[in-house]
Amino acid sequence: MIAGFVGTVISDNFWFHLGRHMGRPFIERHEGWKAKAVKTEQLMERFGAPVMIGFRFFYGLRSITPFMLGAARISPLRFLLYEATGALIWLSIVATLGFYLGAAVEQLVGRIHNVEKVMAIGVATLALIIWAVYLIRWRLRLRRQRSE
């Protein structure tokens, strides 16, 4: 957990300071970031501090939010405090879920015999493949809608 905390704080602060130095001109030159930048700005205007704490929970905005907060000239100390709080919350949730999920899987696998283990792995693999295909098709559909 310590390594995860330190790594996420360093990464987020890197993007934050990069945003402070490169800011808006960088976003204007990169089409893929423009829509996310607008979404991040809207969230910041509406919610403020909770966005700085919880941005890592927003799919698709995880990487750009620290950059945008830097470009918005948020105080580095303020960002660090909110970001560290969010990192602790995120790590606590992920570590707790991982622990309990691991314990549940270990308990389940411990009760299953060899043939059933293979079947369980096959079903899990098939479910992951179906999920991946669904996700890819959903993203392609979104891209087509945006281009229309």
N, C-alpha and C. Protein backbone atom coordinates (compact mmCIF):
# COMPACT_ATOMS: atom_id res chain seq x y z
N MET A 1 0.82 -1.19 0.00
CA MET A 1 0.00 0.00 0.00
C MET A 1 0.87 1.26 0.00
N ILE A 2 1.99 1.18 0.70
CA ILE A 2 2.88 2.35 0.75
C ILE A 2 3.43 2.64 -0.65
N ALA A 3 3.86 1.59 -1.33
CA ALA A 3 4.39 1.77 -2.70
C ALA A 3 3.31 2.33 -3.62
N GLY A 4 2.09 1.83 -3.50
CA GLY A 4 0.98 2.34 -4.32
C GLY A 4 0.70 3.80 -4.03
N PHE A 5 0.73 4.16 -2.75
CA PHE A 5 0.48 5.55 -2.37
C PHE A 5 1.57 6.47 -2.93
N VAL A 6 2.82 6.11 -2.68
CA VAL A 6 3.93 6.94 -3.14
C VAL A 6 3.92 7.05 -4.67
N GLY A 7 3.69 5.92 -5.34
CA GLY A 7 3.67 5.94 -6.81
C GLY A 7 2.57 6.80 -7.37
N THR A 8 1.38 6.72 -6.82
CA THR A 8 0.27 7.51 -7.35
C THR A 8 0.46 8.99 -7.05
N VAL A 9 0.99 9.33 -5.88
CA VAL A 9 1.22 10.74 -5.55
C VAL A 9 2.30 11.33 -6.46
N ILE A 10 3.37 10.58 -6.69
CA ILE A 10 4.43 11.07 -7.58
C ILE A 10 3.89 11.25 -9.00
N SER A 11 3.15 10.25 -9.48
CA SER A 11 2.60 10.32 -10.84
C SER A 11 1.64 11.50 -10.99
N ASP A 12 0.73 11.65 -10.06
CA ASP A 12 -0.24 12.74 -10.15
C ASP A 12 0.44 14.10 -10.08
N ASN A 13 1.45 14.23 -9.23
CA ASN A 13 2.16 15.50 -9.13
C ASN A 13 3.00 15.79 -10.36
N PHE A 14 3.52 14.74 -10.98
CA PHE A 14 4.23 14.93 -12.25
C PHE A 14 3.29 15.54 -13.27
N TRP A 15 2.09 14.96 -13.43
CA TRP A 15 1.12 15.47 -14.41
C TRP A 15 0.63 16.87 -14.03
N PHE A 16 0.46 17.10 -12.73
CA PHE A 16 0.03 18.42 -12.26
C PHE A 16 1.05 19.49 -12.66
N HIS A 17 2.32 19.24 -12.36
CA HIS A 17 3.36 20.24 -12.67
C HIS A 17 3.60 20.37 -14.17
N LEU A 18 3.42 19.28 -14.89
CA LEU A 18 3.50 19.35 -16.35
C LEU A 18 2.39 20.28 -16.87
N GLY A 19 1.19 20.14 -16.31
CA GLY A 19 0.08 21.03 -16.68
C GLY A 19 0.35 22.47 -16.32
N ARG A 20 1.02 22.72 -15.21
CA ARG A 20 1.36 24.09 -14.81
C ARG A 20 2.33 24.72 -15.80
N HIS A 21 3.22 23.91 -16.36
CA HIS A 21 4.24 24.44 -17.26
C HIS A 21 3.80 24.45 -18.73
N MET A 22 3.01 23.45 -19.13
CA MET A 22 2.63 23.36 -20.55
C MET A 22 1.23 23.87 -20.80
N GLY A 23 0.32 23.64 -19.86
CA GLY A 23 -1.03 24.19 -19.86
C GLY A 23 -1.85 24.07 -21.13
N ARG A 24 -2.62 25.12 -21.36
CA ARG A 24 -3.59 25.19 -22.45
C ARG A 24 -3.04 24.95 -23.85
N PRO A 25 -1.90 25.53 -24.20
CA PRO A 25 -1.41 25.31 -25.57
C PRO A 25 -1.24 23.83 -25.90
N PHE A 26 -0.82 23.05 -24.94
CA PHE A 26 -0.66 21.62 -25.16
C PHE A 26 -2.00 20.97 -25.47
N ILE A 27 -3.01 21.30 -24.69
CA ILE A 27 -4.35 20.72 -24.88
C ILE A 27 -4.92 21.12 -26.23
N GLU A 28 -4.73 22.35 -26.62
CA GLU A 28 -5.25 22.82 -27.90
C GLU A 28 -4.63 22.08 -29.08
N ARG A 29 -3.40 21.62 -28.93
CA ARG A 29 -2.72 20.90 -30.01
C ARG A 29 -3.09 19.42 -30.05
N HIS A 30 -3.74 18.90 -29.03
CA HIS A 30 -4.04 17.47 -28.97
C HIS A 30 -5.56 17.26 -28.89
N GLU A 31 -6.12 16.88 -30.01
CA GLU A 31 -7.57 16.73 -30.15
C GLU A 31 -8.16 15.77 -29.12
N GLY A 32 -7.47 14.68 -28.84
CA GLY A 32 -8.00 13.67 -27.92
C GLY A 32 -8.20 14.19 -26.50
N TRP A 33 -7.48 15.23 -26.13
CA TRP A 33 -7.56 15.75 -24.77
C TRP A 33 -8.60 16.85 -24.62
N LYS A 34 -9.04 17.43 -25.72
CA LYS A 34 -9.95 18.59 -25.63
C LYS A 34 -11.26 18.25 -24.93
N ALA A 35 -11.91 17.17 -25.35
CA ALA A 35 -13.21 16.81 -24.75
C ALA A 35 -13.04 16.48 -23.27
N LYS A 36 -11.97 15.76 -22.95
CA LYS A 36 -11.73 15.42 -21.55
C LYS A 36 -11.42 16.67 -20.74
N ALA A 37 -10.72 17.61 -21.35
CA ALA A 37 -10.41 18.87 -20.66
C ALA A 37 -11.68 19.63 -20.34
N VAL A 38 -12.59 19.68 -21.29
CA VAL A 38 -13.87 20.37 -21.07
C VAL A 38 -14.65 19.70 -19.95
N LYS A 39 -14.70 18.36 -19.97
CA LYS A 39 -15.41 17.60 -18.94
C LYS A 39 -14.79 17.86 -17.56
N THR A 40 -13.47 17.86 -17.50
CA THR A 40 -12.78 18.11 -16.23
C THR A 40 -13.08 19.52 -15.73
N GLU A 41 -13.07 20.50 -16.61
CA GLU A 41 -13.36 21.87 -16.20
C GLU A 41 -14.79 22.00 -15.69
N GLN A 42 -15.72 21.33 -16.35
CA GLN A 42 -17.11 21.37 -15.90
C GLN A 42 -17.25 20.76 -14.51
N LEU A 43 -16.59 19.63 -14.30
CA LEU A 43 -16.64 18.99 -12.99
C LEU A 43 -16.01 19.88 -11.91
N MET A 44 -14.90 20.53 -12.24
CA MET A 44 -14.24 21.41 -11.27
C MET A 44 -15.12 22.60 -10.91
N GLU A 45 -15.77 23.18 -11.92
CA GLU A 45 -16.64 24.33 -11.66
C GLU A 45 -17.81 23.92 -10.78
N ARG A 46 -18.32 22.73 -11.01
CA ARG A 46 -19.51 22.29 -10.29
C ARG A 46 -19.20 21.76 -8.89
N PHE A 47 -18.09 21.00 -8.76
CA PHE A 47 -17.84 20.31 -7.49
C PHE A 47 -16.58 20.74 -6.75
N GLY A 48 -15.59 21.31 -7.44
CA GLY A 48 -14.39 21.81 -6.79
C GLY A 48 -13.55 20.74 -6.10
N ALA A 49 -13.38 20.89 -4.78
CA ALA A 49 -12.50 20.02 -3.99
C ALA A 49 -12.82 18.52 -4.13
N PRO A 50 -14.08 18.11 -4.13
CA PRO A 50 -14.34 16.68 -4.29
C PRO A 50 -13.77 16.10 -5.59
N VAL A 51 -13.65 16.90 -6.61
CA VAL A 51 -13.04 16.41 -7.85
C VAL A 51 -11.56 16.15 -7.63
N MET A 52 -10.90 17.04 -6.88
CA MET A 52 -9.47 16.83 -6.61
C MET A 52 -9.25 15.60 -5.74
N ILE A 53 -10.20 15.27 -4.90
CA ILE A 53 -10.07 14.08 -4.05
C ILE A 53 -10.44 12.83 -4.83
N GLY A 54 -11.48 12.89 -5.64
CA GLY A 54 -12.02 11.68 -6.24
C GLY A 54 -11.78 11.47 -7.71
N PHE A 55 -10.90 12.26 -8.35
CA PHE A 55 -10.75 12.14 -9.80
C PHE A 55 -10.28 10.77 -10.24
N ARG A 56 -9.58 10.06 -9.41
CA ARG A 56 -9.07 8.74 -9.82
C ARG A 56 -10.20 7.72 -9.97
N PHE A 57 -11.39 8.04 -9.48
CA PHE A 57 -12.53 7.14 -9.61
C PHE A 57 -13.33 7.40 -10.89
N PHE A 58 -13.00 8.45 -11.65
CA PHE A 58 -13.71 8.79 -12.88
C PHE A 58 -13.01 8.17 -14.07
N TYR A 59 -13.66 7.22 -14.71
CA TYR A 59 -13.08 6.56 -15.88
C TYR A 59 -12.84 7.58 -16.99
N GLY A 60 -11.66 7.55 -17.54
CA GLY A 60 -11.34 8.43 -18.66
C GLY A 60 -10.79 9.79 -18.25
N LEU A 61 -10.94 10.16 -16.99
CA LEU A 61 -10.45 11.46 -16.54
C LEU A 61 -9.28 11.32 -15.58
N ARG A 62 -8.87 10.11 -15.31
CA ARG A 62 -7.81 9.84 -14.32
C ARG A 62 -6.49 10.52 -14.68
N SER A 63 -6.11 10.49 -15.93
CA SER A 63 -4.81 11.04 -16.31
C SER A 63 -4.85 12.54 -16.58
N ILE A 64 -5.93 13.01 -17.13
CA ILE A 64 -5.96 14.41 -17.54
C ILE A 64 -6.29 15.37 -16.40
N THR A 65 -6.97 14.90 -15.38
CA THR A 65 -7.39 15.81 -14.31
C THR A 65 -6.22 16.49 -13.61
N PRO A 66 -5.17 15.76 -13.19
CA PRO A 66 -4.05 16.48 -12.57
C PRO A 66 -3.42 17.51 -13.53
N PHE A 67 -3.32 17.16 -14.80
CA PHE A 67 -2.78 18.08 -15.80
C PHE A 67 -3.65 19.35 -15.87
N MET A 68 -4.96 19.14 -15.94
CA MET A 68 -5.89 20.28 -16.03
C MET A 68 -5.87 21.13 -14.77
N LEU A 69 -5.74 20.49 -13.61
CA LEU A 69 -5.66 21.26 -12.37
C LEU A 69 -4.40 22.09 -12.34
N GLY A 70 -3.32 21.56 -12.86
CA GLY A 70 -2.08 22.33 -12.97
C GLY A 70 -2.25 23.50 -13.92
N ALA A 71 -2.88 23.24 -15.07
CA ALA A 71 -3.11 24.30 -16.05
C ALA A 71 -4.04 25.38 -15.50
N ALA A 72 -4.92 24.99 -14.58
CA ALA A 72 -5.85 25.96 -13.97
C ALA A 72 -5.19 26.76 -12.86
N ARG A 73 -3.90 26.50 -12.63
CA ARG A 73 -3.10 27.24 -11.65
C ARG A 73 -3.60 27.03 -10.22
N ILE A 74 -4.09 25.82 -9.92
CA ILE A 74 -4.45 25.47 -8.55
C ILE A 74 -3.16 25.47 -7.73
N SER A 75 -3.21 25.85 -6.48
CA SER A 75 -2.04 25.87 -5.61
C SER A 75 -1.46 24.45 -5.50
N PRO A 76 -0.14 24.30 -5.69
CA PRO A 76 0.47 22.96 -5.58
C PRO A 76 0.25 22.31 -4.22
N LEU A 77 0.28 23.08 -3.14
CA LEU A 77 0.06 22.52 -1.81
C LEU A 77 -1.39 22.04 -1.66
N ARG A 78 -2.32 22.84 -2.14
CA ARG A 78 -3.74 22.47 -2.09
C ARG A 78 -3.95 21.19 -2.88
N PHE A 79 -3.38 21.11 -4.09
CA PHE A 79 -3.52 19.91 -4.90
C PHE A 79 -2.93 18.71 -4.17
N LEU A 80 -1.74 18.87 -3.60
CA LEU A 80 -1.08 17.76 -2.92
C LEU A 80 -1.92 17.24 -1.76
N LEU A 81 -2.49 18.13 -0.97
CA LEU A 81 -3.31 17.69 0.17
C LEU A 81 -4.55 16.93 -0.28
N TYR A 82 -5.27 17.49 -1.24
CA TYR A 82 -6.48 16.82 -1.73
C TYR A 82 -6.14 15.53 -2.47
N GLU A 83 -5.11 15.56 -3.26
CA GLU A 83 -4.71 14.40 -4.05
C GLU A 83 -4.26 13.27 -3.13
N ALA A 84 -3.49 13.59 -2.08
CA ALA A 84 -3.03 12.56 -1.14
C ALA A 84 -4.21 11.96 -0.39
N THR A 85 -5.17 12.79 -0.03
CA THR A 85 -6.39 12.28 0.63
C THR A 85 -7.12 11.31 -0.29
N GLY A 86 -7.28 11.70 -1.55
CA GLY A 86 -7.94 10.82 -2.52
C GLY A 86 -7.17 9.53 -2.74
N ALA A 87 -5.83 9.62 -2.76
CA ALA A 87 -5.00 8.43 -2.95
C ALA A 87 -5.18 7.47 -1.79
N LEU A 88 -5.24 7.99 -0.57
CA LEU A 88 -5.45 7.12 0.60
C LEU A 88 -6.82 6.43 0.55
N ILE A 89 -7.83 7.18 0.17
CA ILE A 89 -9.17 6.59 0.06
C ILE A 89 -9.17 5.50 -1.01
N TRP A 90 -8.63 5.82 -2.18
CA TRP A 90 -8.58 4.87 -3.29
C TRP A 90 -7.81 3.61 -2.91
N LEU A 91 -6.63 3.79 -2.31
CA LEU A 91 -5.82 2.63 -1.93
C LEU A 91 -6.51 1.78 -0.88
N SER A 92 -7.18 2.41 0.06
CA SER A 92 -7.90 1.66 1.09
C SER A 92 -8.99 0.80 0.48
N ILE A 93 -9.74 1.38 -0.44
CA ILE A 93 -10.82 0.64 -1.09
C ILE A 93 -10.27 -0.49 -1.94
N VAL A 94 -9.28 -0.20 -2.77
CA VAL A 94 -8.72 -1.22 -3.66
C VAL A 94 -8.06 -2.34 -2.86
N ALA A 95 -7.30 -2.00 -1.83
CA ALA A 95 -6.63 -3.02 -1.03
C ALA A 95 -7.64 -3.89 -0.28
N THR A 96 -8.67 -3.27 0.27
CA THR A 96 -9.69 -4.03 0.99
C THR A 96 -10.44 -4.96 0.05
N LEU A 97 -10.87 -4.43 -1.09
CA LEU A 97 -11.57 -5.28 -2.07
C LEU A 97 -10.67 -6.41 -2.56
N GLY A 98 -9.41 -6.10 -2.83
CA GLY A 98 -8.47 -7.12 -3.28
C GLY A 98 -8.26 -8.20 -2.24
N PHE A 99 -8.15 -7.80 -0.99
CA PHE A 99 -7.96 -8.77 0.08
C PHE A 99 -9.16 -9.71 0.18
N TYR A 100 -10.36 -9.15 0.23
CA TYR A 100 -11.55 -9.98 0.39
C TYR A 100 -11.84 -10.81 -0.86
N LEU A 101 -11.61 -10.25 -2.03
CA LEU A 101 -11.80 -11.01 -3.26
C LEU A 101 -10.80 -12.17 -3.32
N GLY A 102 -9.56 -11.90 -2.97
CA GLY A 102 -8.54 -12.95 -2.95
C GLY A 102 -8.89 -14.05 -1.96
N ALA A 103 -9.37 -13.66 -0.79
CA ALA A 103 -9.77 -14.65 0.21
C ALA A 103 -10.95 -15.49 -0.29
N ALA A 104 -11.91 -14.83 -0.95
CA ALA A 104 -13.07 -15.55 -1.48
C ALA A 104 -12.66 -16.52 -2.57
N VAL A 105 -11.79 -16.09 -3.47
CA VAL A 105 -11.33 -16.97 -4.55
C VAL A 105 -10.53 -18.13 -3.97
N GLU A 106 -9.69 -17.85 -2.99
CA GLU A 106 -8.89 -18.91 -2.36
C GLU A 106 -9.80 -19.95 -1.70
N GLN A 107 -10.82 -19.48 -1.04
CA GLN A 107 -11.77 -20.38 -0.40
C GLN A 107 -12.52 -21.21 -1.45
N LEU A 108 -12.94 -20.55 -2.51
CA LEU A 108 -13.67 -21.23 -3.57
C LEU A 108 -12.80 -22.27 -4.27
N VAL A 109 -11.59 -21.88 -4.63
CA VAL A 109 -10.69 -22.78 -5.34
C VAL A 109 -10.27 -23.93 -4.44
N GLY A 110 -10.15 -23.67 -3.14
CA GLY A 110 -9.78 -24.73 -2.20
C GLY A 110 -10.80 -25.84 -2.13
N ARG A 111 -12.05 -25.55 -2.42
CA ARG A 111 -13.13 -26.54 -2.37
C ARG A 111 -13.36 -27.27 -3.69
N ILE A 112 -12.79 -26.74 -4.75
CA ILE A 112 -13.04 -27.31 -6.08
C ILE A 112 -11.96 -28.33 -6.40
N HIS A 113 -12.37 -29.45 -6.99
CA HIS A 113 -11.41 -30.47 -7.41
C HIS A 113 -10.81 -30.10 -8.76
N ASN A 114 -9.86 -30.88 -9.23
CA ASN A 114 -9.10 -30.56 -10.44
C ASN A 114 -9.97 -30.28 -11.66
N VAL A 115 -10.93 -31.13 -11.95
CA VAL A 115 -11.77 -30.93 -13.14
C VAL A 115 -12.58 -29.65 -13.00
N GLU A 116 -13.09 -29.42 -11.84
CA GLU A 116 -13.89 -28.23 -11.62
C GLU A 116 -13.04 -26.96 -11.67
N LYS A 117 -11.76 -27.07 -11.28
CA LYS A 117 -10.86 -25.92 -11.39
C LYS A 117 -10.70 -25.51 -12.84
N VAL A 118 -10.51 -26.49 -13.71
CA VAL A 118 -10.36 -26.21 -15.14
C VAL A 118 -11.63 -25.58 -15.68
N MET A 119 -12.78 -26.11 -15.27
CA MET A 119 -14.06 -25.54 -15.73
C MET A 119 -14.23 -24.11 -15.24
N ALA A 120 -13.87 -23.86 -13.99
CA ALA A 120 -14.01 -22.51 -13.44
C ALA A 120 -13.09 -21.54 -14.16
N ILE A 121 -11.89 -21.96 -14.45
CA ILE A 121 -10.95 -21.10 -15.19
C ILE A 121 -11.48 -20.84 -16.59
N GLY A 122 -12.05 -21.88 -17.24
CA GLY A 122 -12.61 -21.72 -18.58
C GLY A 122 -13.78 -20.75 -18.59
N VAL A 123 -14.67 -20.87 -17.61
CA VAL A 123 -15.83 -19.97 -17.53
C VAL A 123 -15.36 -18.54 -17.26
N ALA A 124 -14.39 -18.38 -16.36
CA ALA A 124 -13.87 -17.04 -16.06
C ALA A 124 -13.20 -16.44 -17.29
N THR A 125 -12.45 -17.26 -18.03
CA THR A 125 -11.79 -16.77 -19.25
C THR A 125 -12.82 -16.37 -20.28
N LEU A 126 -13.84 -17.18 -20.48
CA LEU A 126 -14.91 -16.86 -21.43
C LEU A 126 -15.62 -15.57 -21.03
N ALA A 127 -15.88 -15.40 -19.75
CA ALA A 127 -16.54 -14.17 -19.28
C ALA A 127 -15.67 -12.95 -19.56
N LEU A 128 -14.37 -13.07 -19.34
CA LEU A 128 -13.46 -11.95 -19.62
C LEU A 128 -13.42 -11.63 -21.11
N ILE A 129 -13.43 -12.65 -21.95
CA ILE A 129 -13.42 -12.42 -23.40
C ILE A 129 -14.70 -11.71 -23.83
N ILE A 130 -15.83 -12.17 -23.33
CA ILE A 130 -17.12 -11.55 -23.66
C ILE A 130 -17.13 -10.10 -23.19
N TRP A 131 -16.65 -9.86 -21.99
CA TRP A 131 -16.59 -8.49 -21.46
C TRP A 131 -15.69 -7.62 -22.32
N ALA A 132 -14.52 -8.13 -22.72
CA ALA A 132 -13.59 -7.35 -23.55
C ALA A 132 -14.20 -7.01 -24.90
N VAL A 133 -14.89 -7.98 -25.53
CA VAL A 133 -15.54 -7.73 -26.81
C VAL A 133 -16.61 -6.66 -26.65
N TYR A 134 -17.40 -6.76 -25.59
CA TYR A 134 -18.44 -5.77 -25.33
C TYR A 134 -17.82 -4.39 -25.17
N LEU A 135 -16.75 -4.28 -24.38
CA LEU A 135 -16.09 -3.01 -24.14
C LEU A 135 -15.53 -2.42 -25.43
N ILE A 136 -14.89 -3.24 -26.24
CA ILE A 136 -14.33 -2.76 -27.50
C ILE A 136 -15.44 -2.27 -28.43
N ARG A 137 -16.53 -3.04 -28.54
CA ARG A 137 -17.64 -2.63 -29.40
C ARG A 137 -18.27 -1.34 -28.89
N TRP A 138 -18.38 -1.18 -27.58
CA TRP A 138 -18.95 0.03 -26.99
C TRP A 138 -18.08 1.23 -27.31
N ARG A 139 -16.76 1.09 -27.18
CA ARG A 139 -15.86 2.19 -27.50
C ARG A 139 -15.91 2.56 -28.98
N LEU A 140 -15.96 1.55 -29.84
CA LEU A 140 -16.06 1.81 -31.27
C LEU A 140 -17.35 2.55 -31.59
N ARG A 141 -18.44 2.17 -30.94
CA ARG A 141 -19.72 2.84 -31.15
C ARG A 141 -19.63 4.30 -30.70
N LEU A 142 -18.98 4.54 -29.58
CA LEU A 142 -18.81 5.93 -29.10
C LEU A 142 -17.98 6.75 -30.08
N ARG A 143 -16.92 6.17 -30.61
CA ARG A 143 -16.09 6.89 -31.57
C ARG A 143 -16.87 7.23 -32.83
N ARG A 144 -17.67 6.26 -33.30
CA ARG A 144 -18.48 6.52 -34.49
C ARG A 144 -19.48 7.64 -34.23
N GLN A 145 -20.09 7.65 -33.07
CA GLN A 145 -21.05 8.70 -32.71
C GLN A 145 -20.38 10.07 -32.65
N ARG A 146 -19.17 10.11 -32.10
CA ARG A 146 -18.45 11.38 -32.00
C ARG A 146 -18.05 11.90 -33.37
N SER A 147 -17.73 10.99 -34.29
CA SER A 147 -17.28 11.43 -35.61
C SER A 147 -18.45 11.85 -36.50
N GLU A 148 -19.65 11.47 -36.13
CA GLU A 148 -20.81 11.83 -36.98
C GLU A 148 -21.25 13.23 -36.77
